């Protein structure tokens, strides 16, 4: 079964399902598996240097002929180089974790690349739509990672009513009933992070996936104590320690981690400072919080790559407590679409009568 929406027509995928660009998780293996399953896979580039990103794009192309996207940070020092790379490689979609500037949107669109920013508020959706974004991904507060306070069920209809471009709903989706509900709200599809992390195609270590499988919806918390921005994650020793301790006590370790991230990404000191200044301006972070923010990618790597949850953080949506299996991406997408189509057909036969 299939469900064709404006999102499918816009990016050339079979099904209106998007795998989000999760740092350290959304690599070539997961992205290509999503694409081959008929969805839109998004490659996460924020935890890759530009050479690593180039290799990752080439690997995805070797694994699939289907369209895929790359997630970008508009405030990165080398954002222009990354945009040029996407243009040279003919990547179908550019997504942005933070709102891009109007010039970058224009440059990508002139090259025929579909631009899909991620937002957490109606006013941000209106802004990027006015700048020429082709679609917008809207994440409600149930979502994992950095998130906002408004629930998906309230935010999505607000944005659908406010813009005339396709809206992709994110935050709290894991099955076909959710996809059907999003379509009924007027969205053109759903995006999922935690659900795709918990597939056989995800490169996250199996023991870490078991930690996710054992978690309940109430095991997540939203805290600003890790990097200064609201961040939803599963409770770990690190998150509990951050909740108890002050920022200044965590700074020495954060500085060491930030230096390690600099080396891994191949950044110059100038590049690290430039990125920090851009983040500080965009997020209005004080200096001590900025240093903690630079530490966050390494904390995520410790858990999701190195396989030590208690030494890092586990970004997760509340939906984690609803997931009890590890399908392939193809099985996941097929199941979502089949169930959503069945739900929509059932509802279409519901009789409506006068009271």
C-alpha atoms as a PDB file:
ATOM      1  CA  UNK A   1       0.000   0.000   0.000  1.00  0.00           C
ATOM      2  CA  UNK A   2       1.106   3.579  -0.473  1.00  0.00           C
ATOM      3  CA  UNK A   3       0.110   7.058   0.610  1.00  0.00           C
ATOM      4  CA  UNK A   4       1.061   9.787  -1.833  1.00  0.00           C
ATOM      5  CA  UNK A   5       1.286  13.321  -0.456  1.00  0.00           C
ATOM      6  CA  UNK A   6       2.849  16.596  -1.647  1.00  0.00           C
ATOM      7  CA  UNK A   7       6.022  15.616   0.239  1.00  0.00           C
ATOM      8  CA  UNK A   8       6.416  12.523  -1.949  1.00  0.00           C
ATOM      9  CA  UNK A   9       6.069  14.630  -5.096  1.00  0.00           C
ATOM     10  CA  UNK A  10       8.423  17.317  -3.788  1.00  0.00           C
ATOM     11  CA  UNK A  11      11.401  15.093  -2.975  1.00  0.00           C
ATOM     12  CA  UNK A  12      10.682  12.023  -5.106  1.00  0.00           C
ATOM     13  CA  UNK A  13      10.147   9.384  -2.418  1.00  0.00           C
ATOM     14  CA  UNK A  14       7.531   6.622  -2.339  1.00  0.00           C
ATOM     15  CA  UNK A  15       6.306   7.183   1.204  1.00  0.00           C
ATOM     16  CA  UNK A  16       5.754  10.323   3.352  1.00  0.00           C
ATOM     17  CA  UNK A  17       8.184   9.218   6.060  1.00  0.00           C
ATOM     18  CA  UNK A  18      11.395  11.066   6.997  1.00  0.00           C
ATOM     19  CA  UNK A  19      14.346   9.828   9.062  1.00  0.00           C
ATOM     20  CA  UNK A  20      15.830  12.828  10.857  1.00  0.00           C
ATOM     21  CA  UNK A  21      19.502  13.871  10.775  1.00  0.00           C
ATOM     22  CA  UNK A  22      20.643  12.660  14.204  1.00  0.00           C
ATOM     23  CA  UNK A  23      24.288  13.374  15.009  1.00  0.00           C
ATOM     24  CA  UNK A  24      26.454  10.206  15.193  1.00  0.00           C
ATOM     25  CA  UNK A  25      23.396   8.090  14.281  1.00  0.00           C
ATOM     26  CA  UNK A  26      22.237   9.151  10.807  1.00  0.00           C
ATOM     27  CA  UNK A  27      25.195   7.869   8.816  1.00  0.00           C
ATOM     28  CA  UNK A  28      25.325   6.300   5.343  1.00  0.00           C
ATOM     29  CA  UNK A  29      24.028   2.912   6.504  1.00  0.00           C
ATOM     30  CA  UNK A  30      20.839   4.249   8.118  1.00  0.00           C
ATOM     31  CA  UNK A  31      20.214   6.899   5.450  1.00  0.00           C
ATOM     32  CA  UNK A  32      20.554   4.465   2.541  1.00  0.00           C
ATOM     33  CA  UNK A  33      18.384   1.853   4.285  1.00  0.00           C
ATOM     34  CA  UNK A  34      15.678   4.489   4.781  1.00  0.00           C
ATOM     35  CA  UNK A  35      15.951   5.598   1.149  1.00  0.00           C
ATOM     36  CA  UNK A  36      15.781   2.022  -0.152  1.00  0.00           C
ATOM     37  CA  UNK A  37      12.723   1.501   2.056  1.00  0.00           C
ATOM     38  CA  UNK A  38      10.939   4.349   0.275  1.00  0.00           C
ATOM     39  CA  UNK A  39      11.416   7.110   2.861  1.00  0.00           C
ATOM     40  CA  UNK A  40      13.602  10.206   2.965  1.00  0.00           C
ATOM     41  CA  UNK A  41      16.862   9.593   4.821  1.00  0.00           C
ATOM     42  CA  UNK A  42      18.724  12.625   6.150  1.00  0.00           C
ATOM     43  CA  UNK A  43      22.494  12.426   6.638  1.00  0.00           C
ATOM     44  CA  UNK A  44      23.720  14.216   9.775  1.00  0.00           C
ATOM     45  CA  UNK A  45      26.714  16.424   8.984  1.00  0.00           C
ATOM     46  CA  UNK A  46      27.166  18.409  12.219  1.00  0.00           C
ATOM     47  CA  UNK A  47      29.402  15.661  13.631  1.00  0.00           C
ATOM     48  CA  UNK A  48      31.418  15.300  10.405  1.00  0.00           C
ATOM     49  CA  UNK A  49      34.255  17.333   8.983  1.00  0.00           C
ATOM     50  CA  UNK A  50      33.773  18.305   5.351  1.00  0.00           C
ATOM     51  CA  UNK A  51      36.001  15.486   4.088  1.00  0.00           C
ATOM     52  CA  UNK A  52      34.055  12.989   6.179  1.00  0.00           C
ATOM     53  CA  UNK A  53      30.820  14.419   4.810  1.00  0.00           C
ATOM     54  CA  UNK A  54      32.090  14.063   1.243  1.00  0.00           C
ATOM     55  CA  UNK A  55      32.946  10.401   1.863  1.00  0.00           C
ATOM     56  CA  UNK A  56      29.569   9.829   3.545  1.00  0.00           C
ATOM     57  CA  UNK A  57      27.654  11.284   0.585  1.00  0.00           C
ATOM     58  CA  UNK A  58      29.623   9.055  -1.789  1.00  0.00           C
ATOM     59  CA  UNK A  59      28.891   6.008   0.362  1.00  0.00           C
ATOM     60  CA  UNK A  60      25.150   6.731   0.402  1.00  0.00           C
ATOM     61  CA  UNK A  61      25.229   7.018  -3.396  1.00  0.00           C
ATOM     62  CA  UNK A  62      26.956   3.644  -3.614  1.00  0.00           C
ATOM     63  CA  UNK A  63      24.272   2.072  -1.426  1.00  0.00           C
ATOM     64  CA  UNK A  64      21.178   3.595  -3.074  1.00  0.00           C
ATOM     65  CA  UNK A  65      19.926   5.355  -6.197  1.00  0.00           C
ATOM     66  CA  UNK A  66      17.033   6.907  -4.250  1.00  0.00           C
ATOM     67  CA  UNK A  67      16.834  10.574  -3.147  1.00  0.00           C
ATOM     68  CA  UNK A  68      18.300  11.531   0.234  1.00  0.00           C
ATOM     69  CA  UNK A  69      19.127  14.680   2.161  1.00  0.00           C
ATOM     70  CA  UNK A  70      21.902  16.240   4.231  1.00  0.00           C
ATOM     71  CA  UNK A  71      21.352  18.175   7.438  1.00  0.00           C
ATOM     72  CA  UNK A  72      23.395  21.388   7.730  1.00  0.00           C
ATOM     73  CA  UNK A  73      24.228  23.955  10.386  1.00  0.00           C
ATOM     74  CA  UNK A  74      23.740  27.396   8.870  1.00  0.00           C
ATOM     75  CA  UNK A  75      26.021  28.991  11.483  1.00  0.00           C
ATOM     76  CA  UNK A  76      29.002  26.691  10.807  1.00  0.00           C
ATOM     77  CA  UNK A  77      32.231  28.334   9.654  1.00  0.00           C
ATOM     78  CA  UNK A  78      32.283  26.188   6.513  1.00  0.00           C
ATOM     79  CA  UNK A  79      28.527  26.321   5.798  1.00  0.00           C
ATOM     80  CA  UNK A  80      29.196  27.832   2.358  1.00  0.00           C
ATOM     81  CA  UNK A  81      31.590  25.000   1.470  1.00  0.00           C
ATOM     82  CA  UNK A  82      29.056  22.428   2.562  1.00  0.00           C
ATOM     83  CA  UNK A  83      26.348  24.026   0.449  1.00  0.00           C
ATOM     84  CA  UNK A  84      28.725  23.970  -2.532  1.00  0.00           C
ATOM     85  CA  UNK A  85      29.411  20.289  -1.833  1.00  0.00           C
ATOM     86  CA  UNK A  86      25.693  19.454  -1.881  1.00  0.00           C
ATOM     87  CA  UNK A  87      25.321  21.299  -5.161  1.00  0.00           C
ATOM     88  CA  UNK A  88      28.289  19.503  -6.763  1.00  0.00           C
ATOM     89  CA  UNK A  89      27.060  16.110  -5.595  1.00  0.00           C
ATOM     90  CA  UNK A  90      23.466  16.707  -6.673  1.00  0.00           C
ATOM     91  CA  UNK A  91      22.024  15.951  -3.231  1.00  0.00           C
ATOM     92  CA  UNK A  92      18.231  16.163  -3.433  1.00  0.00           C
ATOM     93  CA  UNK A  93      17.417  17.773  -0.074  1.00  0.00           C
ATOM     94  CA  UNK A  94      19.131  20.198   2.302  1.00  0.00           C
ATOM     95  CA  UNK A  95      17.674  20.300   5.793  1.00  0.00           C
ATOM     96  CA  UNK A  96      18.664  22.650   8.592  1.00  0.00           C
ATOM     97  CA  UNK A  97      18.589  21.970  12.319  1.00  0.00           C
ATOM     98  CA  UNK A  98      18.512  25.710  12.896  1.00  0.00           C
ATOM     99  CA  UNK A  99      16.884  28.242  10.575  1.00  0.00           C
ATOM    100  CA  UNK A 100      19.164  29.051   7.626  1.00  0.00           C
ATOM    101  CA  UNK A 101      19.665  32.527   6.275  1.00  0.00           C
ATOM    102  CA  UNK A 102      17.839  33.712   3.217  1.00  0.00           C
ATOM    103  CA  UNK A 103      20.954  33.753   1.042  1.00  0.00           C
ATOM    104  CA  UNK A 104      21.739  30.083   1.649  1.00  0.00           C
ATOM    105  CA  UNK A 105      18.162  29.113   0.860  1.00  0.00           C
ATOM    106  CA  UNK A 106      18.338  31.059  -2.393  1.00  0.00           C
ATOM    107  CA  UNK A 107      21.646  29.488  -3.406  1.00  0.00           C
ATOM    108  CA  UNK A 108      20.385  25.969  -2.777  1.00  0.00           C
ATOM    109  CA  UNK A 109      17.088  26.565  -4.564  1.00  0.00           C
ATOM    110  CA  UNK A 110      18.859  28.079  -7.578  1.00  0.00           C
ATOM    111  CA  UNK A 111      20.755  24.785  -7.836  1.00  0.00           C
ATOM    112  CA  UNK A 112      17.516  22.779  -7.744  1.00  0.00           C
ATOM    113  CA  UNK A 113      17.960  21.480  -4.193  1.00  0.00           C
ATOM    114  CA  UNK A 114      14.863  21.148  -2.009  1.00  0.00           C
ATOM    115  CA  UNK A 115      15.240  23.134   1.236  1.00  0.00           C
ATOM    116  CA  UNK A 116      13.508  21.861   4.385  1.00  0.00           C
ATOM    117  CA  UNK A 117      14.346  23.738   7.612  1.00  0.00           C
ATOM    118  CA  UNK A 118      13.373  22.347  11.022  1.00  0.00           C
ATOM    119  CA  UNK A 119      11.495  24.666  13.378  1.00  0.00           C
ATOM    120  CA  UNK A 120       9.800  24.547  16.745  1.00  0.00           C
ATOM    121  CA  UNK A 121       7.498  27.566  16.517  1.00  0.00           C
ATOM    122  CA  UNK A 122       4.909  28.939  14.096  1.00  0.00           C
ATOM    123  CA  UNK A 123       6.701  32.259  13.669  1.00  0.00           C
ATOM    124  CA  UNK A 124       9.878  30.464  12.575  1.00  0.00           C
ATOM    125  CA  UNK A 125       7.893  28.468  10.018  1.00  0.00           C
ATOM    126  CA  UNK A 126       6.417  31.676   8.662  1.00  0.00           C
ATOM    127  CA  UNK A 127       9.880  33.236   8.388  1.00  0.00           C
ATOM    128  CA  UNK A 128      11.514  30.399   6.452  1.00  0.00           C
ATOM    129  CA  UNK A 129       8.459  30.030   4.216  1.00  0.00           C
ATOM    130  CA  UNK A 130       8.775  33.734   3.327  1.00  0.00           C
ATOM    131  CA  UNK A 131      12.447  33.118   2.541  1.00  0.00           C
ATOM    132  CA  UNK A 132      11.536  30.450   0.000  1.00  0.00           C
ATOM    133  CA  UNK A 133      11.793  27.165   1.926  1.00  0.00           C
ATOM    134  CA  UNK A 134      10.114  24.344  -0.004  1.00  0.00           C
ATOM    135  CA  UNK A 135       8.750  22.576   3.085  1.00  0.00           C
ATOM    136  CA  UNK A 136       9.159  22.781   6.833  1.00  0.00           C
ATOM    137  CA  UNK A 137       9.744  20.133   9.491  1.00  0.00           C
ATOM    138  CA  UNK A 138       7.947  20.992  12.728  1.00  0.00           C
ATOM    139  CA  UNK A 139       8.999  19.280  15.961  1.00  0.00           C
ATOM    140  CA  UNK A 140       6.819  19.370  19.038  1.00  0.00           C
ATOM    141  CA  UNK A 141       7.991  19.090  22.624  1.00  0.00           C
ATOM    142  CA  UNK A 142       7.716  15.284  22.715  1.00  0.00           C
ATOM    143  CA  UNK A 143      10.683  15.020  20.360  1.00  0.00           C
ATOM    144  CA  UNK A 144      14.217  14.044  21.307  1.00  0.00           C
ATOM    145  CA  UNK A 145      17.308  16.223  21.352  1.00  0.00           C
ATOM    146  CA  UNK A 146      16.838  19.970  21.403  1.00  0.00           C
ATOM    147  CA  UNK A 147      13.140  20.642  21.571  1.00  0.00           C
ATOM    148  CA  UNK A 148      10.552  23.265  22.456  1.00  0.00           C
ATOM    149  CA  UNK A 149       7.694  23.462  24.960  1.00  0.00           C
ATOM    150  CA  UNK A 150       4.670  23.158  22.632  1.00  0.00           C
ATOM    151  CA  UNK A 151       3.158  19.708  22.050  1.00  0.00           C
ATOM    152  CA  UNK A 152       3.111  18.319  18.516  1.00  0.00           C
ATOM    153  CA  UNK A 153      -0.682  18.082  18.493  1.00  0.00           C
ATOM    154  CA  UNK A 154      -0.884  21.840  19.084  1.00  0.00           C
ATOM    155  CA  UNK A 155       2.088  22.988  17.028  1.00  0.00           C
ATOM    156  CA  UNK A 156       1.400  21.111  13.787  1.00  0.00           C
ATOM    157  CA  UNK A 157      -2.103  22.520  13.152  1.00  0.00           C
ATOM    158  CA  UNK A 158      -0.802  26.018  13.975  1.00  0.00           C
ATOM    159  CA  UNK A 159       1.882  25.731  11.306  1.00  0.00           C
ATOM    160  CA  UNK A 160      -0.388  24.024   8.757  1.00  0.00           C
ATOM    161  CA  UNK A 161      -2.752  26.992   9.046  1.00  0.00           C
ATOM    162  CA  UNK A 162       0.080  29.523   8.851  1.00  0.00           C
ATOM    163  CA  UNK A 163       2.053  28.423   5.754  1.00  0.00           C
ATOM    164  CA  UNK A 164       1.198  27.148   2.290  1.00  0.00           C
ATOM    165  CA  UNK A 165       4.136  24.758   1.893  1.00  0.00           C
ATOM    166  CA  UNK A 166       4.208  21.070   2.920  1.00  0.00           C
ATOM    167  CA  UNK A 167       4.529  20.546   6.671  1.00  0.00           C
ATOM    168  CA  UNK A 168       6.314  17.510   8.086  1.00  0.00           C
ATOM    169  CA  UNK A 169       5.243  16.628  11.632  1.00  0.00           C
ATOM    170  CA  UNK A 170       7.830  15.409  14.160  1.00  0.00           C
ATOM    171  CA  UNK A 171       7.789  14.572  17.857  1.00  0.00           C
ATOM    172  CA  UNK A 172       6.007  11.514  19.239  1.00  0.00           C
ATOM    173  CA  UNK A 173       5.550   9.434  16.064  1.00  0.00           C
ATOM    174  CA  UNK A 174       6.266   5.714  15.946  1.00  0.00           C
ATOM    175  CA  UNK A 175       3.427   3.900  14.140  1.00  0.00           C
ATOM    176  CA  UNK A 176       0.823   4.119  11.395  1.00  0.00           C
ATOM    177  CA  UNK A 177      -1.816   5.606  13.662  1.00  0.00           C
ATOM    178  CA  UNK A 178       0.457   8.595  14.229  1.00  0.00           C
ATOM    179  CA  UNK A 179       1.083   8.978  10.511  1.00  0.00           C
ATOM    180  CA  UNK A 180      -2.662   8.889   9.849  1.00  0.00           C
ATOM    181  CA  UNK A 181      -3.245  11.465  12.597  1.00  0.00           C
ATOM    182  CA  UNK A 182      -0.593  13.788  11.149  1.00  0.00           C
ATOM    183  CA  UNK A 183      -2.168  13.562   7.702  1.00  0.00           C
ATOM    184  CA  UNK A 184      -5.567  14.369   9.230  1.00  0.00           C
ATOM    185  CA  UNK A 185      -4.034  17.476  10.815  1.00  0.00           C
ATOM    186  CA  UNK A 186      -2.993  18.559   7.333  1.00  0.00           C
ATOM    187  CA  UNK A 187       0.673  17.534   7.454  1.00  0.00           C
ATOM    188  CA  UNK A 188       2.286  16.005   4.372  1.00  0.00           C
ATOM    189  CA  UNK A 189       4.204  13.366   6.316  1.00  0.00           C
ATOM    190  CA  UNK A 190       6.005  12.534   9.538  1.00  0.00           C
ATOM    191  CA  UNK A 191       9.637  12.614  10.626  1.00  0.00           C
ATOM    192  CA  UNK A 192      11.059  10.281  13.263  1.00  0.00           C
ATOM    193  CA  UNK A 193      14.376  10.117  15.079  1.00  0.00           C
ATOM    194  CA  UNK A 194      14.156   7.735  18.029  1.00  0.00           C
ATOM    195  CA  UNK A 195      12.088   5.228  16.027  1.00  0.00           C
ATOM    196  CA  UNK A 196      14.785   5.046  13.310  1.00  0.00           C
ATOM    197  CA  UNK A 197      17.576   4.901  15.895  1.00  0.00           C
ATOM    198  CA  UNK A 198      15.855   1.754  17.155  1.00  0.00           C
ATOM    199  CA  UNK A 199      16.092  -0.268  13.938  1.00  0.00           C
ATOM    200  CA  UNK A 200      18.452  -3.023  12.855  1.00  0.00           C
ATOM    201  CA  UNK A 201      19.930  -0.642  10.279  1.00  0.00           C
ATOM    202  CA  UNK A 202      21.026   1.834  12.955  1.00  0.00           C
ATOM    203  CA  UNK A 203      24.750   1.634  13.791  1.00  0.00           C
ATOM    204  CA  UNK A 204      24.101   2.372  17.483  1.00  0.00           C
ATOM    205  CA  UNK A 205      25.562  -0.512  19.562  1.00  0.00           C
ATOM    206  CA  UNK A 206      23.055  -3.241  20.399  1.00  0.00           C
ATOM    207  CA  UNK A 207      23.576  -2.873  24.143  1.00  0.00           C
ATOM    208  CA  UNK A 208      22.637   0.799  23.874  1.00  0.00           C
ATOM    209  CA  UNK A 209      19.523  -0.074  21.876  1.00  0.00           C
ATOM    210  CA  UNK A 210      18.570  -2.431  24.700  1.00  0.00           C
ATOM    211  CA  UNK A 211      18.833   0.516  27.088  1.00  0.00           C
ATOM    212  CA  UNK A 212      16.354   2.396  24.894  1.00  0.00           C
ATOM    213  CA  UNK A 213      14.043  -0.631  24.702  1.00  0.00           C
ATOM    214  CA  UNK A 214      14.010  -0.885  28.497  1.00  0.00           C
ATOM    215  CA  UNK A 215      13.041   2.783  28.947  1.00  0.00           C
ATOM    216  CA  UNK A 216       9.559   4.094  29.691  1.00  0.00           C
ATOM    217  CA  UNK A 217       8.035   7.361  28.485  1.00  0.00           C
ATOM    218  CA  UNK A 218       8.583   8.723  31.995  1.00  0.00           C
ATOM    219  CA  UNK A 219      12.310   7.916  31.871  1.00  0.00           C
ATOM    220  CA  UNK A 220      13.086  10.951  29.701  1.00  0.00           C
ATOM    221  CA  UNK A 221      13.639  14.465  30.953  1.00  0.00           C
ATOM    222  CA  UNK A 222      14.079  17.865  29.363  1.00  0.00           C
ATOM    223  CA  UNK A 223      16.990  19.754  30.853  1.00  0.00           C
ATOM    224  CA  UNK A 224      18.934  22.908  30.050  1.00  0.00           C
ATOM    225  CA  UNK A 225      21.708  21.964  32.469  1.00  0.00           C
ATOM    226  CA  UNK A 226      23.742  20.033  29.910  1.00  0.00           C
ATOM    227  CA  UNK A 227      24.339  22.704  27.268  1.00  0.00           C
ATOM    228  CA  UNK A 228      22.098  25.653  28.083  1.00  0.00           C
ATOM    229  CA  UNK A 229      19.289  24.703  25.692  1.00  0.00           C
ATOM    230  CA  UNK A 230      16.233  22.496  26.406  1.00  0.00           C
ATOM    231  CA  UNK A 231      17.344  18.975  25.498  1.00  0.00           C
ATOM    232  CA  UNK A 232      15.249  15.805  25.888  1.00  0.00           C
ATOM    233  CA  UNK A 233      17.178  12.672  26.836  1.00  0.00           C
ATOM    234  CA  UNK A 234      16.957   9.437  28.780  1.00  0.00           C
ATOM    235  CA  UNK A 235      18.119   9.786  32.362  1.00  0.00           C
ATOM    236  CA  UNK A 236      21.745   8.690  32.841  1.00  0.00           C
ATOM    237  CA  UNK A 237      24.449   9.325  35.420  1.00  0.00           C
ATOM    238  CA  UNK A 238      25.602  12.275  33.309  1.00  0.00           C
ATOM    239  CA  UNK A 239      22.172  13.889  33.104  1.00  0.00           C
ATOM    240  CA  UNK A 240      21.567  13.343  36.823  1.00  0.00           C
ATOM    241  CA  UNK A 241      24.969  14.823  37.647  1.00  0.00           C
ATOM    242  CA  UNK A 242      24.264  17.831  35.433  1.00  0.00           C
ATOM    243  CA  UNK A 243      20.958  18.403  37.211  1.00  0.00           C
ATOM    244  CA  UNK A 244      22.695  18.390  40.602  1.00  0.00           C
ATOM    245  CA  UNK A 245      25.877  20.341  39.860  1.00  0.00           C
ATOM    246  CA  UNK A 246      26.462  23.928  38.788  1.00  0.00           C
ATOM    247  CA  UNK A 247      27.807  24.940  35.402  1.00  0.00           C
ATOM    248  CA  UNK A 248      31.174  26.101  36.702  1.00  0.00           C
ATOM    249  CA  UNK A 249      31.966  22.687  38.185  1.00  0.00           C
ATOM    250  CA  UNK A 250      31.428  21.089  34.770  1.00  0.00           C
ATOM    251  CA  UNK A 251      33.522  23.567  32.774  1.00  0.00           C
ATOM    252  CA  UNK A 252      36.986  21.923  33.032  1.00  0.00           C
ATOM    253  CA  UNK A 253      35.719  18.618  31.653  1.00  0.00           C
ATOM    254  CA  UNK A 254      33.659  20.406  29.010  1.00  0.00           C
ATOM    255  CA  UNK A 255      36.721  22.294  27.777  1.00  0.00           C
ATOM    256  CA  UNK A 256      38.680  19.049  27.393  1.00  0.00           C
ATOM    257  CA  UNK A 257      35.804  17.475  25.462  1.00  0.00           C
ATOM    258  CA  UNK A 258      35.459  20.544  23.225  1.00  0.00           C
ATOM    259  CA  UNK A 259      39.163  20.347  22.339  1.00  0.00           C
ATOM    260  CA  UNK A 260      38.683  16.674  21.455  1.00  0.00           C
ATOM    261  CA  UNK A 261      35.733  17.543  19.216  1.00  0.00           C
ATOM    262  CA  UNK A 262      37.840  20.236  17.518  1.00  0.00           C
ATOM    263  CA  UNK A 263      40.508  17.672  16.645  1.00  0.00           C
ATOM    264  CA  UNK A 264      37.959  15.118  15.431  1.00  0.00           C
ATOM    265  CA  UNK A 265      36.228  17.625  13.143  1.00  0.00           C
ATOM    266  CA  UNK A 266      39.513  19.018  11.816  1.00  0.00           C
ATOM    267  CA  UNK A 267      38.574  22.533  12.936  1.00  0.00           C
ATOM    268  CA  UNK A 268      41.125  25.289  13.416  1.00  0.00           C
ATOM    269  CA  UNK A 269      41.065  27.290  16.637  1.00  0.00           C
ATOM    270  CA  UNK A 270      39.757  30.164  14.555  1.00  0.00           C
ATOM    271  CA  UNK A 271      37.015  27.931  13.183  1.00  0.00           C
ATOM    272  CA  UNK A 272      36.064  26.739  16.647  1.00  0.00           C
ATOM    273  CA  UNK A 273      35.839  30.316  17.922  1.00  0.00           C
ATOM    274  CA  UNK A 274      33.911  31.443  14.828  1.00  0.00           C
ATOM    275  CA  UNK A 275      31.390  28.632  15.245  1.00  0.00           C
ATOM    276  CA  UNK A 276      31.085  29.464  18.932  1.00  0.00           C
ATOM    277  CA  UNK A 277      30.419  33.134  18.265  1.00  0.00           C
ATOM    278  CA  UNK A 278      27.774  32.259  15.682  1.00  0.00           C
ATOM    279  CA  UNK A 279      26.081  29.843  18.104  1.00  0.00           C
ATOM    280  CA  UNK A 280      26.239  32.397  20.902  1.00  0.00           C
ATOM    281  CA  UNK A 281      24.533  34.984  18.707  1.00  0.00           C
ATOM    282  CA  UNK A 282      21.892  32.573  17.394  1.00  0.00           C
ATOM    283  CA  UNK A 283      21.049  30.961  20.718  1.00  0.00           C
ATOM    284  CA  UNK A 284      21.849  33.910  23.017  1.00  0.00           C
ATOM    285  CA  UNK A 285      23.999  31.711  25.240  1.00  0.00           C
ATOM    286  CA  UNK A 286      26.311  33.136  27.925  1.00  0.00           C
ATOM    287  CA  UNK A 287      29.977  32.197  27.540  1.00  0.00           C
ATOM    288  CA  UNK A 288      30.008  29.447  30.166  1.00  0.00           C
ATOM    289  CA  UNK A 289      26.966  27.796  28.562  1.00  0.00           C
ATOM    290  CA  UNK A 290      28.646  28.038  25.157  1.00  0.00           C
ATOM    291  CA  UNK A 291      31.563  25.939  26.416  1.00  0.00           C
ATOM    292  CA  UNK A 292      29.120  23.345  27.721  1.00  0.00           C
ATOM    293  CA  UNK A 293      27.354  23.305  24.326  1.00  0.00           C
ATOM    294  CA  UNK A 294      30.669  22.481  22.630  1.00  0.00           C
ATOM    295  CA  UNK A 295      30.919  19.525  25.000  1.00  0.00           C
ATOM    296  CA  UNK A 296      27.551  18.011  24.046  1.00  0.00           C
ATOM    297  CA  UNK A 297      28.554  16.216  20.788  1.00  0.00           C
ATOM    298  CA  UNK A 298      31.234  14.291  22.645  1.00  0.00           C
ATOM    299  CA  UNK A 299      28.809  13.285  25.396  1.00  0.00           C
ATOM    300  CA  UNK A 300      26.444  11.935  22.744  1.00  0.00           C
ATOM    301  CA  UNK A 301      29.326  10.116  21.031  1.00  0.00           C
ATOM    302  CA  UNK A 302      30.321   8.450  24.321  1.00  0.00           C
ATOM    303  CA  UNK A 303      26.860   6.895  24.580  1.00  0.00           C
ATOM    304  CA  UNK A 304      25.765   6.280  20.983  1.00  0.00           C
ATOM    305  CA  UNK A 305      29.099   5.455  19.329  1.00  0.00           C
ATOM    306  CA  UNK A 306      31.411   4.257  22.091  1.00  0.00           C
ATOM    307  CA  UNK A 307      28.567   2.338  23.759  1.00  0.00           C
ATOM    308  CA  UNK A 308      28.883   3.739  27.288  1.00  0.00           C
ATOM    309  CA  UNK A 309      25.502   5.273  28.234  1.00  0.00           C
ATOM    310  CA  UNK A 310      26.567   6.176  31.760  1.00  0.00           C
ATOM    311  CA  UNK A 311      29.491   8.233  30.412  1.00  0.00           C
ATOM    312  CA  UNK A 312      27.338  10.268  28.039  1.00  0.00           C
ATOM    313  CA  UNK A 313      23.820  11.317  27.150  1.00  0.00           C
ATOM    314  CA  UNK A 314      21.076   9.473  25.262  1.00  0.00           C
ATOM    315  CA  UNK A 315      18.926  11.874  23.211  1.00  0.00           C
ATOM    316  CA  UNK A 316      15.433  10.461  22.980  1.00  0.00           C
ATOM    317  CA  UNK A 317      11.836  11.372  22.395  1.00  0.00           C
ATOM    318  CA  UNK A 318       9.140  10.436  24.891  1.00  0.00           C
ATOM    319  CA  UNK A 319       8.044   7.878  22.327  1.00  0.00           C
ATOM    320  CA  UNK A 320      10.876   5.606  23.512  1.00  0.00           C
ATOM    321  CA  UNK A 321       8.488   3.950  25.948  1.00  0.00           C
ATOM    322  CA  UNK A 322       6.172   2.908  23.101  1.00  0.00           C
ATOM    323  CA  UNK A 323       8.829   1.015  21.136  1.00  0.00           C
ATOM    324  CA  UNK A 324       9.428  -2.674  21.782  1.00  0.00           C
ATOM    325  CA  UNK A 325      11.105  -4.013  18.638  1.00  0.00           C
ATOM    326  CA  UNK A 326      13.997  -3.437  16.223  1.00  0.00           C
ATOM    327  CA  UNK A 327      12.724  -3.786  12.647  1.00  0.00           C
ATOM    328  CA  UNK A 328      14.683  -2.958   9.513  1.00  0.00           C
ATOM    329  CA  UNK A 329      13.984   0.468   8.015  1.00  0.00           C
ATOM    330  CA  UNK A 330      12.059  -1.146   5.156  1.00  0.00           C
ATOM    331  CA  UNK A 331       9.908  -3.149   7.587  1.00  0.00           C
ATOM    332  CA  UNK A 332       9.296  -0.065   9.706  1.00  0.00           C
ATOM    333  CA  UNK A 333       8.223   2.118   6.789  1.00  0.00           C
ATOM    334  CA  UNK A 334       6.067  -0.567   5.171  1.00  0.00           C
ATOM    335  CA  UNK A 335       4.339  -1.224   8.487  1.00  0.00           C
ATOM    336  CA  UNK A 336       3.691   2.470   9.113  1.00  0.00           C
ATOM    337  CA  UNK A 337       2.212   3.063   5.686  1.00  0.00           C
ATOM    338  CA  UNK A 338       0.064  -0.088   5.704  1.00  0.00           C
ATOM    339  CA  UNK A 339      -1.345   0.674   9.147  1.00  0.00           C
ATOM    340  CA  UNK A 340      -1.948   4.352   8.304  1.00  0.00           C
ATOM    341  CA  UNK A 341      -3.788   3.449   5.114  1.00  0.00           C
ATOM    342  CA  UNK A 342      -5.954   0.972   7.026  1.00  0.00           C
ATOM    343  CA  UNK A 343      -6.790   3.559   9.698  1.00  0.00           C
ATOM    344  CA  UNK A 344      -7.684   6.165   7.092  1.00  0.00           C
ATOM    345  CA  UNK A 345      -9.875   3.705   5.184  1.00  0.00           C
ATOM    346  CA  UNK A 346     -11.668   2.690   8.370  1.00  0.00           C
ATOM    347  CA  UNK A 347     -12.341   6.293   9.275  1.00  0.00           C
ATOM    348  CA  UNK A 348     -13.614   6.960   5.755  1.00  0.00           C
ATOM    349  CA  UNK A 349     -16.374   4.428   6.341  1.00  0.00           C
ATOM    350  CA  UNK A 350     -17.483   6.031   9.606  1.00  0.00           C
ATOM    351  CA  UNK A 351     -21.054   7.243   9.338  1.00  0.00           C
ATOM    352  CA  UNK A 352     -21.737  10.882  10.062  1.00  0.00           C
ATOM    353  CA  UNK A 353     -25.294  11.691  11.118  1.00  0.00           C
ATOM    354  CA  UNK A 354     -27.148  14.681  12.427  1.00  0.00           C
ATOM    355  CA  UNK A 355     -27.358  14.805  16.214  1.00  0.00           C
END
